[in-house]
């Protein structure tokens, strides 16, 4: 998109998009969602004033953390005049975690099944990266590695080739994220 205030993305749909792509392209069904939980105690470092040289450090429990969160949202609300002003130079960091699992131990996967675990993890990583970035897997791999990866994971490249490359593929992949 144009990057203006009218472009909105619903990042809550990203896990569903990833699940769909993994179900379609990962025959081993080896990737599982991972839940990230914040710790119960947080450490806050803050300057007492603008002229202070050292930061004060304090430990925040559940109640203090809730209060700090409320203060942060109140500040954001005041700075944007309750959303009337656009925040242009801001970053939003979205963390999506997944765990690649094996049916057997890593050693048994290599020795008993004669399977290279690196290839499986590489495939999972490419499926996730191509889904998140909205780009064909081939564009995410250095030219010198593309033939090797494509020879062991042709379905990923076939799926992306059918969808088309470049901007058309990106638009289709991200269309599920657009409001």
N, C-alpha and C. Protein backbone atom coordinates (compact mmCIF):
# COMPACT_ATOMS: atom_id res chain seq x y z
N UNK A 1 0.81 -1.18 0.00
CA UNK A 1 0.00 0.00 0.00
C UNK A 1 0.84 1.23 0.00
N UNK A 2 0.15 2.36 0.14
CA UNK A 2 0.79 3.65 0.11
C UNK A 2 1.41 4.06 1.42
N UNK A 3 1.11 3.34 2.52
CA UNK A 3 1.72 3.67 3.79
C UNK A 3 1.02 4.78 4.51
N UNK A 4 -0.17 5.20 4.05
CA UNK A 4 -0.90 6.26 4.69
C UNK A 4 -1.73 5.77 5.84
N UNK A 5 -2.48 6.72 6.44
CA UNK A 5 -3.30 6.40 7.60
C UNK A 5 -4.43 5.44 7.24
N UNK A 6 -4.78 5.35 5.96
CA UNK A 6 -5.88 4.49 5.57
C UNK A 6 -5.48 3.02 5.47
N UNK A 7 -4.17 2.75 5.38
CA UNK A 7 -3.70 1.37 5.31
C UNK A 7 -3.67 0.79 6.71
N UNK A 8 -4.49 -0.23 6.94
CA UNK A 8 -4.48 -0.89 8.23
C UNK A 8 -4.27 -2.38 8.02
N UNK A 9 -3.61 -2.98 8.95
CA UNK A 9 -3.32 -4.40 8.89
C UNK A 9 -3.80 -5.04 10.19
N UNK A 10 -4.53 -6.13 10.07
CA UNK A 10 -4.98 -6.88 11.23
C UNK A 10 -4.00 -8.03 11.46
N UNK A 11 -3.05 -7.82 12.34
CA UNK A 11 -2.02 -8.82 12.59
C UNK A 11 -2.55 -10.04 13.33
N UNK A 12 -3.75 -9.93 13.88
CA UNK A 12 -4.32 -11.08 14.58
C UNK A 12 -4.67 -12.21 13.61
N UNK A 13 -4.73 -11.91 12.30
CA UNK A 13 -5.03 -12.95 11.32
C UNK A 13 -3.77 -13.71 10.88
N UNK A 14 -2.60 -13.19 11.22
CA UNK A 14 -1.35 -13.81 10.79
C UNK A 14 -1.19 -15.26 11.26
N UNK A 15 -1.51 -15.59 12.50
CA UNK A 15 -1.40 -17.01 12.90
C UNK A 15 -2.26 -17.94 12.05
N UNK A 16 -3.45 -17.52 11.69
CA UNK A 16 -4.31 -18.33 10.83
C UNK A 16 -3.73 -18.52 9.44
N UNK A 17 -3.13 -17.46 8.90
CA UNK A 17 -2.49 -17.54 7.59
C UNK A 17 -1.32 -18.51 7.65
N UNK A 18 -0.52 -18.39 8.72
CA UNK A 18 0.61 -19.31 8.88
C UNK A 18 0.13 -20.75 9.02
N UNK A 19 -0.91 -20.97 9.82
CA UNK A 19 -1.45 -22.33 9.98
C UNK A 19 -1.88 -22.91 8.63
N UNK A 20 -2.54 -22.09 7.82
CA UNK A 20 -2.99 -22.56 6.50
C UNK A 20 -1.83 -22.92 5.59
N UNK A 21 -0.81 -22.08 5.56
CA UNK A 21 0.36 -22.34 4.71
C UNK A 21 1.12 -23.57 5.20
N UNK A 22 1.25 -23.72 6.52
CA UNK A 22 1.95 -24.89 7.06
C UNK A 22 1.16 -26.16 6.79
N UNK A 23 -0.16 -26.10 6.92
CA UNK A 23 -0.99 -27.29 6.64
C UNK A 23 -0.86 -27.70 5.17
N UNK A 24 -0.76 -26.70 4.30
CA UNK A 24 -0.67 -26.95 2.86
C UNK A 24 0.71 -27.48 2.45
N UNK A 25 1.77 -26.94 3.04
CA UNK A 25 3.12 -27.20 2.53
C UNK A 25 4.02 -28.03 3.43
N UNK A 26 3.67 -28.24 4.67
CA UNK A 26 4.52 -29.01 5.58
C UNK A 26 3.90 -30.36 5.84
N UNK A 27 4.26 -31.34 5.02
CA UNK A 27 3.69 -32.69 5.12
C UNK A 27 4.01 -33.33 6.46
N UNK A 28 5.11 -32.97 7.09
CA UNK A 28 5.50 -33.56 8.37
C UNK A 28 4.66 -33.00 9.52
N UNK A 29 3.95 -31.90 9.28
CA UNK A 29 3.13 -31.26 10.31
C UNK A 29 3.95 -31.07 11.60
N UNK A 30 5.14 -30.52 11.42
CA UNK A 30 6.12 -30.47 12.51
C UNK A 30 6.15 -29.15 13.27
N UNK A 31 5.44 -28.14 12.82
CA UNK A 31 5.50 -26.84 13.48
C UNK A 31 4.28 -26.67 14.37
N UNK A 32 4.55 -26.31 15.61
CA UNK A 32 3.49 -26.10 16.60
C UNK A 32 3.57 -24.67 17.12
N UNK A 33 2.41 -24.09 17.44
CA UNK A 33 2.45 -22.74 18.02
C UNK A 33 3.13 -22.77 19.39
N UNK A 34 3.77 -21.70 19.73
CA UNK A 34 4.44 -21.57 21.00
C UNK A 34 3.85 -20.38 21.74
N UNK A 35 3.51 -20.57 22.98
CA UNK A 35 2.95 -19.48 23.78
C UNK A 35 4.07 -18.81 24.55
N UNK A 36 4.15 -17.51 24.41
CA UNK A 36 5.14 -16.72 25.13
C UNK A 36 4.42 -16.04 26.29
N UNK A 37 4.88 -16.29 27.48
CA UNK A 37 4.27 -15.67 28.66
C UNK A 37 5.29 -14.76 29.32
N UNK A 38 4.85 -13.56 29.65
CA UNK A 38 5.74 -12.62 30.33
C UNK A 38 5.93 -13.06 31.78
N UNK A 39 7.07 -12.76 32.33
CA UNK A 39 7.35 -13.10 33.72
C UNK A 39 6.47 -12.32 34.68
N UNK A 40 6.41 -12.79 35.91
CA UNK A 40 5.57 -12.13 36.91
C UNK A 40 6.20 -10.87 37.46
N UNK A 41 7.52 -10.81 37.54
CA UNK A 41 8.21 -9.64 38.08
C UNK A 41 8.98 -8.95 36.95
N UNK A 42 8.82 -7.66 36.86
CA UNK A 42 9.52 -6.86 35.86
C UNK A 42 10.41 -5.87 36.57
N UNK A 43 11.48 -5.45 35.90
CA UNK A 43 12.36 -4.43 36.43
C UNK A 43 12.19 -3.17 35.61
N UNK A 44 11.95 -2.07 36.30
CA UNK A 44 11.76 -0.77 35.64
C UNK A 44 12.99 0.09 35.89
N UNK A 45 13.55 0.63 34.79
CA UNK A 45 14.64 1.58 34.88
C UNK A 45 14.12 2.91 34.35
N UNK A 46 14.20 3.94 35.17
CA UNK A 46 13.67 5.24 34.76
C UNK A 46 14.56 6.35 35.33
N UNK A 47 14.64 7.42 34.59
CA UNK A 47 15.39 8.59 35.05
C UNK A 47 14.49 9.40 35.96
N UNK A 48 15.02 9.86 37.08
CA UNK A 48 14.24 10.66 38.02
C UNK A 48 13.85 11.99 37.39
N UNK A 49 14.73 12.53 36.55
CA UNK A 49 14.43 13.77 35.82
C UNK A 49 15.25 13.79 34.54
N UNK A 50 15.01 14.75 33.70
CA UNK A 50 15.74 14.85 32.44
C UNK A 50 17.23 15.08 32.66
N UNK A 51 17.59 15.70 33.77
CA UNK A 51 18.98 16.03 34.04
C UNK A 51 19.71 14.93 34.83
N UNK A 52 19.02 13.90 35.23
CA UNK A 52 19.64 12.82 36.00
C UNK A 52 20.67 12.08 35.17
N UNK A 53 21.72 11.63 35.83
CA UNK A 53 22.76 10.89 35.13
C UNK A 53 22.54 9.38 35.25
N UNK A 54 21.93 8.94 36.31
CA UNK A 54 21.73 7.51 36.52
C UNK A 54 20.25 7.18 36.60
N UNK A 55 19.92 6.00 36.14
CA UNK A 55 18.53 5.55 36.16
C UNK A 55 18.23 4.89 37.50
N UNK A 56 17.02 5.16 37.99
CA UNK A 56 16.54 4.47 39.18
C UNK A 56 15.99 3.12 38.74
N UNK A 57 16.24 2.10 39.52
CA UNK A 57 15.77 0.76 39.20
C UNK A 57 14.79 0.32 40.28
N UNK A 58 13.66 -0.21 39.83
CA UNK A 58 12.68 -0.73 40.79
C UNK A 58 12.05 -2.00 40.23
N UNK A 59 11.57 -2.83 41.12
CA UNK A 59 10.93 -4.08 40.74
C UNK A 59 9.42 -3.86 40.74
N UNK A 60 8.76 -4.33 39.67
CA UNK A 60 7.32 -4.15 39.55
C UNK A 60 6.60 -5.47 39.73
N UNK A 61 5.64 -5.46 40.63
CA UNK A 61 4.77 -6.62 40.79
C UNK A 61 3.57 -6.49 39.87
N UNK A 62 2.61 -7.35 40.04
CA UNK A 62 1.43 -7.37 39.16
C UNK A 62 0.66 -6.06 39.19
N UNK A 63 0.44 -5.53 40.38
CA UNK A 63 -0.35 -4.29 40.53
C UNK A 63 0.42 -3.09 39.95
N UNK A 64 1.72 -3.01 40.24
CA UNK A 64 2.53 -1.90 39.72
C UNK A 64 2.62 -1.98 38.19
N UNK A 65 2.74 -3.19 37.66
CA UNK A 65 2.81 -3.38 36.21
C UNK A 65 1.53 -2.91 35.54
N UNK A 66 0.41 -3.24 36.15
CA UNK A 66 -0.89 -2.79 35.62
C UNK A 66 -0.98 -1.26 35.62
N UNK A 67 -0.46 -0.63 36.69
CA UNK A 67 -0.46 0.83 36.78
C UNK A 67 0.43 1.46 35.71
N UNK A 68 1.61 0.89 35.48
CA UNK A 68 2.52 1.40 34.45
C UNK A 68 1.92 1.25 33.05
N UNK A 69 1.23 0.15 32.82
CA UNK A 69 0.57 -0.06 31.53
C UNK A 69 -0.51 0.99 31.32
N UNK A 70 -1.27 1.26 32.35
CA UNK A 70 -2.32 2.29 32.26
C UNK A 70 -1.72 3.65 31.97
N UNK A 71 -0.61 3.99 32.67
CA UNK A 71 0.07 5.27 32.42
C UNK A 71 0.54 5.37 30.97
N UNK A 72 1.10 4.28 30.43
CA UNK A 72 1.60 4.29 29.06
C UNK A 72 0.47 4.53 28.06
N UNK A 73 -0.65 3.86 28.25
CA UNK A 73 -1.78 4.07 27.34
C UNK A 73 -2.39 5.46 27.50
N UNK A 74 -2.41 5.99 28.72
CA UNK A 74 -2.90 7.36 28.92
C UNK A 74 -1.99 8.37 28.23
N UNK A 75 -0.67 8.15 28.29
CA UNK A 75 0.27 9.03 27.61
C UNK A 75 0.07 8.96 26.10
N UNK A 76 -0.06 7.77 25.56
CA UNK A 76 -0.30 7.61 24.12
C UNK A 76 -1.60 8.29 23.71
N UNK A 77 -2.63 8.14 24.53
CA UNK A 77 -3.92 8.78 24.26
C UNK A 77 -3.79 10.30 24.27
N UNK A 78 -3.04 10.85 25.23
CA UNK A 78 -2.85 12.30 25.30
C UNK A 78 -2.02 12.81 24.12
N UNK A 79 -0.96 12.09 23.77
CA UNK A 79 -0.09 12.52 22.66
C UNK A 79 -0.81 12.49 21.31
N UNK A 80 -1.74 11.56 21.14
CA UNK A 80 -2.45 11.45 19.86
C UNK A 80 -3.81 12.14 19.90
N UNK A 81 -4.11 12.82 21.01
CA UNK A 81 -5.43 13.47 21.18
C UNK A 81 -6.55 12.47 20.93
N UNK A 82 -6.47 11.39 21.66
CA UNK A 82 -7.46 10.29 21.59
C UNK A 82 -7.59 9.72 20.18
N UNK A 83 -6.47 9.66 19.48
CA UNK A 83 -6.46 9.06 18.15
C UNK A 83 -6.67 10.05 17.02
N UNK A 84 -6.86 11.33 17.33
CA UNK A 84 -7.08 12.33 16.29
C UNK A 84 -5.80 12.63 15.52
N UNK A 85 -4.65 12.48 16.16
CA UNK A 85 -3.37 12.69 15.50
C UNK A 85 -2.75 11.35 15.14
N UNK A 86 -2.18 11.27 13.96
CA UNK A 86 -1.55 10.04 13.49
C UNK A 86 -0.13 9.97 14.03
N UNK A 87 0.27 8.81 14.49
CA UNK A 87 1.65 8.57 14.92
C UNK A 87 2.39 8.03 13.71
N UNK A 88 3.23 8.88 13.10
CA UNK A 88 3.84 8.52 11.82
C UNK A 88 5.12 7.73 11.93
N UNK A 89 6.01 8.10 12.79
CA UNK A 89 7.32 7.45 12.87
C UNK A 89 7.37 6.51 14.06
N UNK A 90 6.48 5.56 14.09
CA UNK A 90 6.44 4.59 15.19
C UNK A 90 6.67 3.19 14.64
N UNK A 91 7.09 2.32 15.51
CA UNK A 91 7.32 0.92 15.14
C UNK A 91 6.42 0.02 15.97
N UNK A 92 5.91 -0.98 15.33
CA UNK A 92 5.14 -2.01 16.02
C UNK A 92 5.90 -3.32 15.84
N UNK A 93 6.22 -3.95 16.92
CA UNK A 93 6.95 -5.21 16.87
C UNK A 93 5.97 -6.32 17.21
N UNK A 94 5.81 -7.24 16.29
CA UNK A 94 4.93 -8.38 16.48
C UNK A 94 5.82 -9.62 16.58
N UNK A 95 5.64 -10.37 17.64
CA UNK A 95 6.44 -11.57 17.85
C UNK A 95 5.53 -12.78 17.65
N UNK A 96 5.93 -13.65 16.75
CA UNK A 96 5.22 -14.89 16.52
C UNK A 96 6.22 -16.01 16.78
N UNK A 97 5.87 -16.90 17.67
CA UNK A 97 6.78 -17.98 18.01
C UNK A 97 6.20 -19.32 17.57
N UNK A 98 7.07 -20.18 17.11
CA UNK A 98 6.67 -21.52 16.72
C UNK A 98 7.80 -22.47 17.09
N UNK A 99 7.44 -23.70 17.32
CA UNK A 99 8.42 -24.72 17.67
C UNK A 99 8.38 -25.83 16.63
N UNK A 100 9.54 -26.16 16.09
CA UNK A 100 9.63 -27.27 15.14
C UNK A 100 9.86 -28.54 15.97
N UNK A 101 8.99 -29.52 15.81
CA UNK A 101 9.10 -30.75 16.58
C UNK A 101 9.46 -31.92 15.67
N UNK A 102 10.04 -32.93 16.26
CA UNK A 102 10.36 -34.17 15.56
C UNK A 102 9.66 -35.31 16.28
N UNK A 103 9.20 -36.31 15.53
CA UNK A 103 8.54 -37.47 16.15
C UNK A 103 9.49 -38.25 17.04
N UNK A 104 10.75 -38.25 16.67
CA UNK A 104 11.77 -38.97 17.43
C UNK A 104 12.81 -37.96 17.92
N UNK A 105 13.75 -38.46 18.71
CA UNK A 105 14.83 -37.59 19.13
C UNK A 105 15.62 -37.17 17.89
N UNK A 106 16.39 -36.14 18.03
CA UNK A 106 17.17 -35.64 16.90
C UNK A 106 18.12 -36.71 16.37
N UNK A 107 18.78 -37.42 17.26
CA UNK A 107 19.71 -38.47 16.84
C UNK A 107 18.96 -39.59 16.12
N UNK A 108 17.80 -40.01 16.65
CA UNK A 108 17.02 -41.07 16.00
C UNK A 108 16.49 -40.62 14.65
N UNK A 109 16.15 -39.35 14.53
CA UNK A 109 15.69 -38.82 13.24
C UNK A 109 16.78 -38.98 12.19
N UNK A 110 18.01 -38.69 12.58
CA UNK A 110 19.13 -38.78 11.64
C UNK A 110 19.52 -40.24 11.39
N UNK A 111 19.69 -41.01 12.46
CA UNK A 111 20.23 -42.37 12.33
C UNK A 111 19.18 -43.36 11.85
N UNK A 112 18.03 -43.42 12.53
CA UNK A 112 17.01 -44.42 12.20
C UNK A 112 16.24 -44.08 10.92
N UNK A 113 15.84 -42.81 10.79
CA UNK A 113 15.02 -42.42 9.65
C UNK A 113 15.82 -41.91 8.47
N UNK A 114 17.11 -41.69 8.66
CA UNK A 114 17.97 -41.17 7.61
C UNK A 114 17.41 -39.86 7.04
N UNK A 115 16.99 -38.99 7.95
CA UNK A 115 16.40 -37.71 7.57
C UNK A 115 17.31 -36.59 8.07
N UNK A 116 17.58 -35.64 7.21
CA UNK A 116 18.38 -34.48 7.59
C UNK A 116 17.45 -33.46 8.27
N UNK A 117 17.59 -33.25 9.58
CA UNK A 117 16.70 -32.33 10.28
C UNK A 117 16.85 -30.88 9.82
N UNK A 118 18.02 -30.54 9.31
CA UNK A 118 18.24 -29.17 8.83
C UNK A 118 17.31 -28.86 7.66
N UNK A 119 17.10 -29.85 6.78
CA UNK A 119 16.21 -29.65 5.64
C UNK A 119 14.79 -29.39 6.13
N UNK A 120 14.34 -30.13 7.14
CA UNK A 120 12.99 -29.94 7.65
C UNK A 120 12.82 -28.57 8.30
N UNK A 121 13.78 -28.17 9.11
CA UNK A 121 13.70 -26.87 9.76
C UNK A 121 13.81 -25.75 8.73
N UNK A 122 14.65 -25.94 7.73
CA UNK A 122 14.80 -24.96 6.65
C UNK A 122 13.47 -24.79 5.91
N UNK A 123 12.78 -25.90 5.63
CA UNK A 123 11.48 -25.84 4.95
C UNK A 123 10.46 -25.08 5.81
N UNK A 124 10.41 -25.41 7.08
CA UNK A 124 9.47 -24.73 7.98
C UNK A 124 9.77 -23.23 8.04
N UNK A 125 11.04 -22.90 8.14
CA UNK A 125 11.44 -21.49 8.19
C UNK A 125 11.05 -20.76 6.91
N UNK A 126 11.25 -21.40 5.77
CA UNK A 126 10.89 -20.78 4.49
C UNK A 126 9.38 -20.60 4.36
N UNK A 127 8.61 -21.58 4.80
CA UNK A 127 7.15 -21.46 4.75
C UNK A 127 6.71 -20.27 5.59
N UNK A 128 7.25 -20.18 6.80
CA UNK A 128 6.86 -19.09 7.69
C UNK A 128 7.32 -17.73 7.14
N UNK A 129 8.57 -17.66 6.70
CA UNK A 129 9.10 -16.39 6.19
C UNK A 129 8.36 -15.93 4.94
N UNK A 130 8.10 -16.85 4.02
CA UNK A 130 7.39 -16.45 2.80
C UNK A 130 5.97 -16.01 3.11
N UNK A 131 5.35 -16.63 4.10
CA UNK A 131 3.99 -16.23 4.49
C UNK A 131 3.97 -14.86 5.15
N UNK A 132 4.90 -14.64 6.08
CA UNK A 132 4.95 -13.36 6.79
C UNK A 132 5.36 -12.23 5.85
N UNK A 133 6.36 -12.49 5.01
CA UNK A 133 6.86 -11.44 4.11
C UNK A 133 5.98 -11.27 2.88
N UNK A 134 5.18 -12.29 2.57
CA UNK A 134 4.34 -12.21 1.38
C UNK A 134 5.16 -12.30 0.10
N UNK A 135 6.25 -13.03 0.17
CA UNK A 135 7.14 -13.16 -0.98
C UNK A 135 7.33 -14.63 -1.32
N UNK A 136 7.64 -14.93 -2.58
CA UNK A 136 7.94 -16.32 -2.94
C UNK A 136 9.19 -16.81 -2.21
N UNK A 137 9.20 -18.08 -1.85
CA UNK A 137 10.34 -18.65 -1.14
C UNK A 137 11.63 -18.44 -1.91
N UNK A 138 11.57 -18.55 -3.23
CA UNK A 138 12.77 -18.42 -4.05
C UNK A 138 13.44 -17.06 -3.87
N UNK A 139 12.66 -16.03 -3.61
CA UNK A 139 13.23 -14.69 -3.45
C UNK A 139 13.89 -14.50 -2.09
N UNK A 140 13.70 -15.45 -1.17
CA UNK A 140 14.27 -15.34 0.16
C UNK A 140 15.58 -16.13 0.31
N UNK A 141 15.98 -16.79 -0.78
CA UNK A 141 17.16 -17.66 -0.73
C UNK A 141 18.22 -17.11 -1.67
N UNK A 142 19.46 -17.15 -1.24
CA UNK A 142 20.56 -16.74 -2.12
C UNK A 142 20.59 -17.63 -3.34
N UNK A 143 20.97 -17.06 -4.46
CA UNK A 143 20.99 -17.78 -5.74
C UNK A 143 21.78 -19.09 -5.66
N UNK A 144 22.92 -19.07 -4.96
CA UNK A 144 23.75 -20.27 -4.92
C UNK A 144 23.12 -21.41 -4.11
N UNK A 145 22.14 -21.11 -3.25
CA UNK A 145 21.48 -22.15 -2.44
C UNK A 145 20.13 -22.59 -3.02
N UNK A 146 19.60 -21.83 -3.95
CA UNK A 146 18.26 -22.12 -4.48
C UNK A 146 18.12 -23.51 -5.08
N UNK A 147 19.03 -23.99 -5.94
CA UNK A 147 18.87 -25.34 -6.50
C UNK A 147 18.85 -26.44 -5.43
N UNK A 148 19.72 -26.32 -4.43
CA UNK A 148 19.76 -27.32 -3.36
C UNK A 148 18.45 -27.34 -2.58
N UNK A 149 17.97 -26.18 -2.19
CA UNK A 149 16.74 -26.11 -1.40
C UNK A 149 15.55 -26.57 -2.25
N UNK A 150 15.51 -26.16 -3.49
CA UNK A 150 14.41 -26.54 -4.37
C UNK A 150 14.40 -28.05 -4.63
N UNK A 151 15.58 -28.68 -4.68
CA UNK A 151 15.62 -30.13 -4.94
C UNK A 151 15.06 -30.94 -3.77
N UNK A 152 15.18 -30.44 -2.55
CA UNK A 152 14.66 -31.18 -1.40
C UNK A 152 13.28 -30.70 -0.95
N UNK A 153 12.86 -29.55 -1.44
CA UNK A 153 11.56 -29.00 -1.06
C UNK A 153 10.85 -28.44 -2.29
N UNK A 154 10.59 -29.25 -3.30
CA UNK A 154 9.98 -28.72 -4.53
C UNK A 154 8.55 -28.20 -4.33
N UNK A 155 7.80 -28.78 -3.41
CA UNK A 155 6.41 -28.36 -3.21
C UNK A 155 6.31 -26.89 -2.82
N UNK A 156 7.26 -26.41 -2.04
CA UNK A 156 7.24 -25.02 -1.62
C UNK A 156 7.43 -24.10 -2.82
N UNK A 157 8.30 -24.46 -3.71
CA UNK A 157 8.56 -23.64 -4.89
C UNK A 157 7.42 -23.75 -5.88
N UNK A 158 6.85 -24.96 -6.04
CA UNK A 158 5.71 -25.15 -6.94
C UNK A 158 4.52 -24.33 -6.48
N UNK A 159 4.27 -24.32 -5.16
CA UNK A 159 3.13 -23.57 -4.62
C UNK A 159 3.31 -22.09 -4.87
N UNK A 160 4.52 -21.59 -4.69
CA UNK A 160 4.76 -20.17 -4.90
C UNK A 160 4.74 -19.83 -6.38
N UNK A 161 5.19 -20.75 -7.25
CA UNK A 161 5.17 -20.49 -8.68
C UNK A 161 3.74 -20.39 -9.19
N UNK A 162 2.85 -21.23 -8.66
CA UNK A 162 1.45 -21.21 -9.07
C UNK A 162 0.82 -19.88 -8.68
N UNK A 163 1.19 -19.39 -7.49
CA UNK A 163 0.61 -18.13 -7.02
C UNK A 163 1.14 -16.93 -7.79
N UNK A 164 2.28 -17.07 -8.38
CA UNK A 164 2.89 -15.93 -9.06
C UNK A 164 3.98 -15.36 -8.19
N UNK A 165 4.79 -14.53 -8.75
CA UNK A 165 5.90 -13.99 -7.98
C UNK A 165 5.73 -12.51 -7.72
N UNK A 166 6.70 -11.96 -7.05
CA UNK A 166 6.80 -10.53 -6.82
C UNK A 166 5.61 -9.91 -6.15
N UNK A 167 5.20 -8.76 -6.67
CA UNK A 167 4.13 -7.98 -6.05
C UNK A 167 2.79 -8.71 -6.03
N UNK A 168 2.47 -9.49 -7.06
CA UNK A 168 1.19 -10.20 -7.09
C UNK A 168 1.14 -11.20 -5.94
N UNK A 169 2.22 -11.93 -5.72
CA UNK A 169 2.27 -12.91 -4.64
C UNK A 169 2.18 -12.21 -3.28
N UNK A 170 2.89 -11.12 -3.15
CA UNK A 170 2.87 -10.37 -1.89
C UNK A 170 1.48 -9.84 -1.62
N UNK A 171 0.84 -9.30 -2.63
CA UNK A 171 -0.50 -8.76 -2.45
C UNK A 171 -1.47 -9.85 -2.03
N UNK A 172 -1.37 -11.04 -2.66
CA UNK A 172 -2.26 -12.14 -2.29
C UNK A 172 -2.01 -12.62 -0.87
N UNK A 173 -0.74 -12.75 -0.49
CA UNK A 173 -0.40 -13.23 0.84
C UNK A 173 -0.86 -12.25 1.90
N UNK A 174 -0.72 -10.96 1.64
CA UNK A 174 -1.09 -9.96 2.63
C UNK A 174 -2.56 -9.57 2.57
N UNK A 175 -3.27 -9.98 1.53
CA UNK A 175 -4.68 -9.62 1.43
C UNK A 175 -5.47 -10.17 2.60
N UNK A 176 -5.04 -11.27 3.15
CA UNK A 176 -5.69 -11.81 4.32
C UNK A 176 -5.46 -10.97 5.55
N UNK A 177 -4.43 -10.11 5.52
CA UNK A 177 -4.13 -9.25 6.67
C UNK A 177 -4.82 -7.90 6.57
N UNK A 178 -5.26 -7.51 5.40
CA UNK A 178 -5.85 -6.19 5.22
C UNK A 178 -7.26 -6.14 5.79
N UNK A 179 -7.59 -5.02 6.43
CA UNK A 179 -8.97 -4.81 6.92
C UNK A 179 -9.91 -4.62 5.78
